[in-house]
Amino acid sequence: MTPLLFDSFALLRFLQKEPGSEKVRDLLKEAAVGRNPCLLNVINFGEVLYTTQRRFGAESRMQVFIALQQMGLVLLPCPENLVYRAAELKAVYAMSYADTFAVASAMEHKACLVTCDPEFRQVEHLVKIEWV
């Protein structure tokens, strides 16, 4: 089984029922029946929360917090070695710092990165990507 690591962009698409949300839903359903572990870096979890609050308010942020907790995603910590790897990626690639944590986590866990963010095209040679 290849773990699936979700970036914030894919989860926000799913939560807001935007194009691509159906594919994210299907991947999460597979995880629920034990086919693939679903991972989320704590930095990207924070990104989903602050983006939700900015767009929809604090009450929506709390609803998303609860929903993500119930989805069965494994929340990955951010140890020092991950910070170093993310910093190295940020120094080389023109992508957001939060996105480098998704890439670093996917590399560390040999996971397939689930995203719809075109910023990740530049790192397709580093990690497998499931485009939604």
N, C-alpha and C. Protein backbone atom coordinates (compact mmCIF):
# COMPACT_ATOMS: atom_id res chain seq x y z
N MET A 1 0.83 -1.19 0.00
CA MET A 1 0.00 0.00 0.00
C MET A 1 0.87 1.25 0.00
N THR A 2 0.56 2.14 -0.89
CA THR A 2 1.25 3.43 -0.93
C THR A 2 0.44 4.45 -0.15
N PRO A 3 1.03 5.05 0.86
CA PRO A 3 0.29 6.08 1.59
C PRO A 3 -0.02 7.27 0.67
N LEU A 4 -1.12 7.94 0.96
CA LEU A 4 -1.50 9.16 0.25
C LEU A 4 -1.28 10.33 1.19
N LEU A 5 -0.55 11.32 0.73
CA LEU A 5 -0.31 12.52 1.53
C LEU A 5 -1.04 13.68 0.86
N PHE A 6 -1.96 14.28 1.59
CA PHE A 6 -2.79 15.35 1.04
C PHE A 6 -2.16 16.70 1.32
N ASP A 7 -2.15 17.55 0.30
CA ASP A 7 -1.75 18.94 0.54
C ASP A 7 -3.01 19.74 0.85
N SER A 8 -2.83 20.94 1.31
CA SER A 8 -3.97 21.75 1.73
C SER A 8 -4.90 22.07 0.56
N PHE A 9 -4.33 22.29 -0.62
CA PHE A 9 -5.11 22.67 -1.79
C PHE A 9 -6.16 21.59 -2.10
N ALA A 10 -5.75 20.33 -2.07
CA ALA A 10 -6.68 19.23 -2.37
C ALA A 10 -7.77 19.13 -1.31
N LEU A 11 -7.40 19.25 -0.05
CA LEU A 11 -8.41 19.17 1.01
C LEU A 11 -9.37 20.35 0.96
N LEU A 12 -8.86 21.53 0.66
CA LEU A 12 -9.74 22.70 0.55
C LEU A 12 -10.72 22.53 -0.61
N ARG A 13 -10.24 21.96 -1.72
CA ARG A 13 -11.14 21.67 -2.85
C ARG A 13 -12.26 20.75 -2.41
N PHE A 14 -11.88 19.71 -1.67
CA PHE A 14 -12.85 18.74 -1.19
C PHE A 14 -13.86 19.39 -0.24
N LEU A 15 -13.35 20.11 0.74
CA LEU A 15 -14.21 20.72 1.76
C LEU A 15 -15.15 21.76 1.19
N GLN A 16 -14.70 22.44 0.12
CA GLN A 16 -15.52 23.50 -0.47
C GLN A 16 -16.28 23.02 -1.70
N LYS A 17 -16.21 21.70 -1.96
CA LYS A 17 -16.93 21.08 -3.07
C LYS A 17 -16.64 21.75 -4.41
N GLU A 18 -15.36 22.02 -4.63
CA GLU A 18 -14.89 22.62 -5.88
C GLU A 18 -14.52 21.50 -6.86
N PRO A 19 -14.26 21.85 -8.12
CA PRO A 19 -13.85 20.82 -9.09
C PRO A 19 -12.67 20.00 -8.57
N GLY A 20 -12.77 18.68 -8.71
CA GLY A 20 -11.75 17.79 -8.19
C GLY A 20 -12.12 17.19 -6.85
N SER A 21 -13.16 17.73 -6.22
CA SER A 21 -13.53 17.26 -4.88
C SER A 21 -13.99 15.80 -4.89
N GLU A 22 -14.59 15.36 -5.99
CA GLU A 22 -15.07 13.98 -6.07
C GLU A 22 -13.90 12.99 -6.00
N LYS A 23 -12.83 13.31 -6.68
CA LYS A 23 -11.67 12.42 -6.67
C LYS A 23 -11.05 12.37 -5.28
N VAL A 24 -10.97 13.52 -4.62
CA VAL A 24 -10.44 13.55 -3.25
C VAL A 24 -11.34 12.71 -2.34
N ARG A 25 -12.65 12.88 -2.49
CA ARG A 25 -13.60 12.09 -1.70
C ARG A 25 -13.37 10.59 -1.90
N ASP A 26 -13.19 10.17 -3.16
CA ASP A 26 -12.98 8.76 -3.45
C ASP A 26 -11.69 8.24 -2.82
N LEU A 27 -10.64 9.04 -2.87
CA LEU A 27 -9.38 8.64 -2.24
C LEU A 27 -9.53 8.52 -0.72
N LEU A 28 -10.25 9.44 -0.13
CA LEU A 28 -10.49 9.38 1.32
C LEU A 28 -11.35 8.16 1.68
N LYS A 29 -12.30 7.81 0.82
CA LYS A 29 -13.13 6.63 1.07
C LYS A 29 -12.29 5.36 1.03
N GLU A 30 -11.36 5.28 0.08
CA GLU A 30 -10.46 4.13 0.01
C GLU A 30 -9.68 3.99 1.31
N ALA A 31 -9.24 5.10 1.84
CA ALA A 31 -8.49 5.08 3.09
C ALA A 31 -9.36 4.59 4.24
N ALA A 32 -10.62 4.98 4.21
CA ALA A 32 -11.54 4.61 5.29
C ALA A 32 -11.73 3.09 5.37
N VAL A 33 -11.63 2.41 4.24
CA VAL A 33 -11.77 0.95 4.25
C VAL A 33 -10.41 0.25 4.32
N GLY A 34 -9.36 1.00 4.61
CA GLY A 34 -8.05 0.42 4.86
C GLY A 34 -7.20 0.13 3.65
N ARG A 35 -7.56 0.68 2.50
CA ARG A 35 -6.76 0.42 1.30
C ARG A 35 -5.47 1.23 1.28
N ASN A 36 -5.54 2.48 1.65
CA ASN A 36 -4.35 3.35 1.66
C ASN A 36 -4.39 4.25 2.89
N PRO A 37 -3.30 4.31 3.63
CA PRO A 37 -3.25 5.28 4.72
C PRO A 37 -3.25 6.70 4.14
N CYS A 38 -3.97 7.60 4.76
CA CYS A 38 -4.00 9.01 4.34
C CYS A 38 -3.28 9.86 5.37
N LEU A 39 -2.34 10.64 4.88
CA LEU A 39 -1.48 11.44 5.74
C LEU A 39 -1.69 12.93 5.48
N LEU A 40 -1.42 13.71 6.52
CA LEU A 40 -1.48 15.16 6.42
C LEU A 40 -0.44 15.73 7.36
N ASN A 41 0.47 16.53 6.83
CA ASN A 41 1.46 17.19 7.67
C ASN A 41 0.78 18.26 8.50
N VAL A 42 1.21 18.41 9.74
CA VAL A 42 0.59 19.37 10.65
C VAL A 42 0.69 20.80 10.12
N ILE A 43 1.73 21.12 9.36
CA ILE A 43 1.87 22.46 8.77
C ILE A 43 0.75 22.68 7.75
N ASN A 44 0.48 21.69 6.93
CA ASN A 44 -0.59 21.80 5.93
C ASN A 44 -1.97 21.77 6.59
N PHE A 45 -2.08 21.08 7.70
CA PHE A 45 -3.32 21.10 8.49
C PHE A 45 -3.59 22.54 8.95
N GLY A 46 -2.57 23.20 9.45
CA GLY A 46 -2.72 24.60 9.86
C GLY A 46 -3.08 25.49 8.69
N GLU A 47 -2.53 25.19 7.54
CA GLU A 47 -2.84 25.97 6.34
C GLU A 47 -4.32 25.85 5.96
N VAL A 48 -4.88 24.65 6.06
CA VAL A 48 -6.31 24.45 5.79
C VAL A 48 -7.13 25.26 6.79
N LEU A 49 -6.73 25.22 8.05
CA LEU A 49 -7.49 25.92 9.09
C LEU A 49 -7.45 27.44 8.91
N TYR A 50 -6.27 28.01 8.69
CA TYR A 50 -6.23 29.48 8.56
C TYR A 50 -6.90 29.94 7.28
N THR A 51 -6.79 29.17 6.20
CA THR A 51 -7.45 29.55 4.95
C THR A 51 -8.97 29.53 5.12
N THR A 52 -9.46 28.52 5.81
CA THR A 52 -10.90 28.43 6.06
C THR A 52 -11.38 29.62 6.89
N GLN A 53 -10.62 29.94 7.93
CA GLN A 53 -11.04 31.06 8.77
C GLN A 53 -11.02 32.38 8.00
N ARG A 54 -10.01 32.60 7.18
CA ARG A 54 -9.96 33.83 6.40
C ARG A 54 -11.15 33.96 5.45
N ARG A 55 -11.50 32.84 4.82
CA ARG A 55 -12.57 32.87 3.82
C ARG A 55 -13.97 32.84 4.43
N PHE A 56 -14.14 32.07 5.52
CA PHE A 56 -15.48 31.78 6.00
C PHE A 56 -15.71 32.07 7.49
N GLY A 57 -14.67 32.43 8.22
CA GLY A 57 -14.84 32.76 9.63
C GLY A 57 -14.42 31.65 10.58
N ALA A 58 -14.36 32.02 11.87
CA ALA A 58 -13.86 31.11 12.90
C ALA A 58 -14.77 29.90 13.11
N GLU A 59 -16.07 30.09 12.98
CA GLU A 59 -16.98 28.95 13.17
C GLU A 59 -16.74 27.89 12.10
N SER A 60 -16.54 28.31 10.87
CA SER A 60 -16.24 27.35 9.80
C SER A 60 -14.90 26.65 10.04
N ARG A 61 -13.94 27.41 10.56
CA ARG A 61 -12.63 26.80 10.89
C ARG A 61 -12.82 25.66 11.88
N MET A 62 -13.63 25.86 12.89
CA MET A 62 -13.86 24.81 13.88
C MET A 62 -14.59 23.62 13.26
N GLN A 63 -15.52 23.87 12.35
CA GLN A 63 -16.22 22.77 11.67
C GLN A 63 -15.25 21.95 10.82
N VAL A 64 -14.33 22.64 10.14
CA VAL A 64 -13.32 21.96 9.32
C VAL A 64 -12.37 21.18 10.22
N PHE A 65 -11.97 21.77 11.33
CA PHE A 65 -11.09 21.09 12.29
C PHE A 65 -11.71 19.76 12.71
N ILE A 66 -12.98 19.79 13.06
CA ILE A 66 -13.67 18.57 13.49
C ILE A 66 -13.80 17.59 12.33
N ALA A 67 -14.16 18.08 11.17
CA ALA A 67 -14.31 17.21 9.99
C ALA A 67 -13.00 16.51 9.65
N LEU A 68 -11.90 17.24 9.67
CA LEU A 68 -10.62 16.63 9.34
C LEU A 68 -10.22 15.60 10.38
N GLN A 69 -10.52 15.85 11.64
CA GLN A 69 -10.22 14.89 12.70
C GLN A 69 -11.00 13.59 12.48
N GLN A 70 -12.21 13.70 11.97
CA GLN A 70 -13.09 12.53 11.79
C GLN A 70 -12.79 11.76 10.50
N MET A 71 -12.02 12.32 9.61
CA MET A 71 -11.75 11.67 8.33
C MET A 71 -10.74 10.53 8.43
N GLY A 72 -10.09 10.41 9.54
CA GLY A 72 -9.12 9.34 9.68
C GLY A 72 -7.76 9.65 9.10
N LEU A 73 -7.50 10.92 8.82
CA LEU A 73 -6.18 11.30 8.34
C LEU A 73 -5.17 11.16 9.48
N VAL A 74 -4.00 10.66 9.15
CA VAL A 74 -2.93 10.57 10.13
C VAL A 74 -2.20 11.90 10.09
N LEU A 75 -2.20 12.61 11.20
CA LEU A 75 -1.57 13.91 11.28
C LEU A 75 -0.09 13.72 11.60
N LEU A 76 0.76 14.15 10.67
CA LEU A 76 2.20 13.97 10.83
C LEU A 76 2.82 15.15 11.58
N PRO A 77 3.71 14.87 12.52
CA PRO A 77 4.38 15.95 13.24
C PRO A 77 5.42 16.63 12.36
N CYS A 78 6.02 17.65 12.90
CA CYS A 78 7.02 18.41 12.15
C CYS A 78 8.35 18.41 12.92
N PRO A 79 9.06 17.30 12.85
CA PRO A 79 10.34 17.24 13.56
C PRO A 79 11.41 18.08 12.86
N GLU A 80 12.48 18.29 13.56
CA GLU A 80 13.56 19.15 13.08
C GLU A 80 14.10 18.72 11.72
N ASN A 81 14.26 17.41 11.50
CA ASN A 81 14.81 16.95 10.22
C ASN A 81 13.88 17.32 9.05
N LEU A 82 12.58 17.36 9.31
CA LEU A 82 11.63 17.75 8.26
C LEU A 82 11.75 19.24 7.95
N VAL A 83 11.99 20.04 8.98
CA VAL A 83 12.19 21.48 8.79
C VAL A 83 13.42 21.71 7.91
N TYR A 84 14.49 20.97 8.16
CA TYR A 84 15.70 21.11 7.34
C TYR A 84 15.43 20.75 5.88
N ARG A 85 14.72 19.63 5.68
CA ARG A 85 14.44 19.20 4.30
C ARG A 85 13.53 20.21 3.61
N ALA A 86 12.52 20.72 4.30
CA ALA A 86 11.62 21.72 3.72
C ALA A 86 12.39 22.99 3.37
N ALA A 87 13.31 23.39 4.23
CA ALA A 87 14.12 24.58 3.96
C ALA A 87 14.99 24.38 2.72
N GLU A 88 15.56 23.20 2.58
CA GLU A 88 16.36 22.89 1.38
C GLU A 88 15.51 22.98 0.13
N LEU A 89 14.30 22.43 0.19
CA LEU A 89 13.40 22.48 -0.95
C LEU A 89 13.01 23.92 -1.29
N LYS A 90 12.73 24.71 -0.27
CA LYS A 90 12.34 26.11 -0.48
C LYS A 90 13.48 26.90 -1.11
N ALA A 91 14.70 26.58 -0.74
CA ALA A 91 15.86 27.28 -1.31
C ALA A 91 16.03 26.99 -2.80
N VAL A 92 15.57 25.82 -3.24
CA VAL A 92 15.78 25.39 -4.62
C VAL A 92 14.56 25.65 -5.52
N TYR A 93 13.36 25.49 -4.97
CA TYR A 93 12.15 25.57 -5.78
C TYR A 93 11.29 26.77 -5.40
N ALA A 94 10.68 27.38 -6.42
CA ALA A 94 9.81 28.54 -6.20
C ALA A 94 8.42 28.04 -5.82
N MET A 95 8.28 27.68 -4.56
CA MET A 95 6.99 27.23 -4.05
C MET A 95 6.81 27.72 -2.62
N SER A 96 5.58 27.69 -2.15
CA SER A 96 5.34 28.18 -0.80
C SER A 96 6.05 27.30 0.22
N TYR A 97 6.38 27.90 1.33
CA TYR A 97 7.06 27.16 2.39
C TYR A 97 6.19 26.01 2.89
N ALA A 98 4.89 26.24 3.05
CA ALA A 98 3.99 25.17 3.50
C ALA A 98 4.00 24.01 2.50
N ASP A 99 4.04 24.31 1.21
CA ASP A 99 4.07 23.24 0.21
C ASP A 99 5.35 22.41 0.30
N THR A 100 6.44 23.02 0.70
CA THR A 100 7.68 22.24 0.83
C THR A 100 7.55 21.20 1.95
N PHE A 101 6.71 21.47 2.94
CA PHE A 101 6.49 20.47 4.00
C PHE A 101 5.70 19.29 3.45
N ALA A 102 4.77 19.53 2.56
CA ALA A 102 4.04 18.43 1.92
C ALA A 102 5.01 17.57 1.12
N VAL A 103 5.88 18.19 0.35
CA VAL A 103 6.84 17.44 -0.46
C VAL A 103 7.80 16.67 0.45
N ALA A 104 8.34 17.33 1.45
CA ALA A 104 9.28 16.68 2.37
C ALA A 104 8.62 15.49 3.08
N SER A 105 7.38 15.66 3.49
CA SER A 105 6.66 14.58 4.16
C SER A 105 6.39 13.42 3.20
N ALA A 106 6.03 13.73 1.97
CA ALA A 106 5.80 12.68 0.97
C ALA A 106 7.10 11.91 0.72
N MET A 107 8.19 12.63 0.64
CA MET A 107 9.49 11.96 0.44
C MET A 107 9.81 11.05 1.63
N GLU A 108 9.64 11.58 2.82
CA GLU A 108 9.99 10.83 4.03
C GLU A 108 9.14 9.57 4.19
N HIS A 109 7.87 9.64 3.83
CA HIS A 109 6.96 8.51 4.03
C HIS A 109 6.71 7.71 2.75
N LYS A 110 7.48 8.03 1.70
CA LYS A 110 7.33 7.35 0.41
C LYS A 110 5.84 7.32 0.00
N ALA A 111 5.24 8.49 0.13
CA ALA A 111 3.81 8.64 -0.13
C ALA A 111 3.57 9.31 -1.47
N CYS A 112 2.40 9.08 -1.99
CA CYS A 112 1.94 9.77 -3.19
C CYS A 112 1.28 11.06 -2.75
N LEU A 113 1.71 12.17 -3.29
CA LEU A 113 1.19 13.48 -2.92
C LEU A 113 -0.07 13.77 -3.72
N VAL A 114 -1.16 14.04 -3.01
CA VAL A 114 -2.45 14.34 -3.63
C VAL A 114 -2.63 15.85 -3.66
N THR A 115 -2.74 16.40 -4.88
CA THR A 115 -2.83 17.85 -5.02
C THR A 115 -3.49 18.24 -6.33
N CYS A 116 -3.83 19.49 -6.42
CA CYS A 116 -4.27 20.08 -7.68
C CYS A 116 -3.54 21.42 -7.87
N ASP A 117 -2.55 21.65 -7.05
CA ASP A 117 -1.78 22.89 -7.07
C ASP A 117 -0.66 22.79 -8.11
N PRO A 118 -0.70 23.62 -9.16
CA PRO A 118 0.31 23.53 -10.21
C PRO A 118 1.74 23.81 -9.73
N GLU A 119 1.89 24.39 -8.55
CA GLU A 119 3.22 24.64 -7.99
C GLU A 119 4.03 23.35 -7.86
N PHE A 120 3.34 22.24 -7.72
CA PHE A 120 4.01 20.95 -7.49
C PHE A 120 4.56 20.33 -8.77
N ARG A 121 4.23 20.88 -9.94
CA ARG A 121 4.74 20.31 -11.19
C ARG A 121 6.27 20.29 -11.21
N GLN A 122 6.88 21.27 -10.58
CA GLN A 122 8.34 21.38 -10.59
C GLN A 122 9.03 20.32 -9.72
N VAL A 123 8.28 19.58 -8.91
CA VAL A 123 8.90 18.55 -8.07
C VAL A 123 8.39 17.15 -8.40
N GLU A 124 7.78 17.00 -9.57
CA GLU A 124 7.27 15.69 -9.97
C GLU A 124 8.37 14.64 -10.06
N HIS A 125 9.61 15.08 -10.24
CA HIS A 125 10.72 14.14 -10.29
C HIS A 125 11.14 13.67 -8.90
N LEU A 126 10.65 14.33 -7.85
CA LEU A 126 11.00 13.97 -6.48
C LEU A 126 9.98 13.06 -5.81
N VAL A 127 8.70 13.24 -6.13
CA VAL A 127 7.64 12.46 -5.51
C VAL A 127 6.58 12.12 -6.54
N LYS A 128 5.89 11.00 -6.29
CA LYS A 128 4.77 10.64 -7.13
C LYS A 128 3.61 11.58 -6.77
N ILE A 129 2.89 12.03 -7.78
CA ILE A 129 1.78 12.97 -7.54
C ILE A 129 0.50 12.42 -8.15
N GLU A 130 -0.55 12.46 -7.36
CA GLU A 130 -1.91 12.13 -7.81
C GLU A 130 -2.62 13.47 -8.02
N TRP A 131 -2.85 13.82 -9.28
CA TRP A 131 -3.49 15.09 -9.60
C TRP A 131 -5.00 14.96 -9.50
N VAL A 132 -5.62 15.88 -8.81
CA VAL A 132 -7.08 15.88 -8.67
C VAL A 132 -7.67 17.13 -9.29
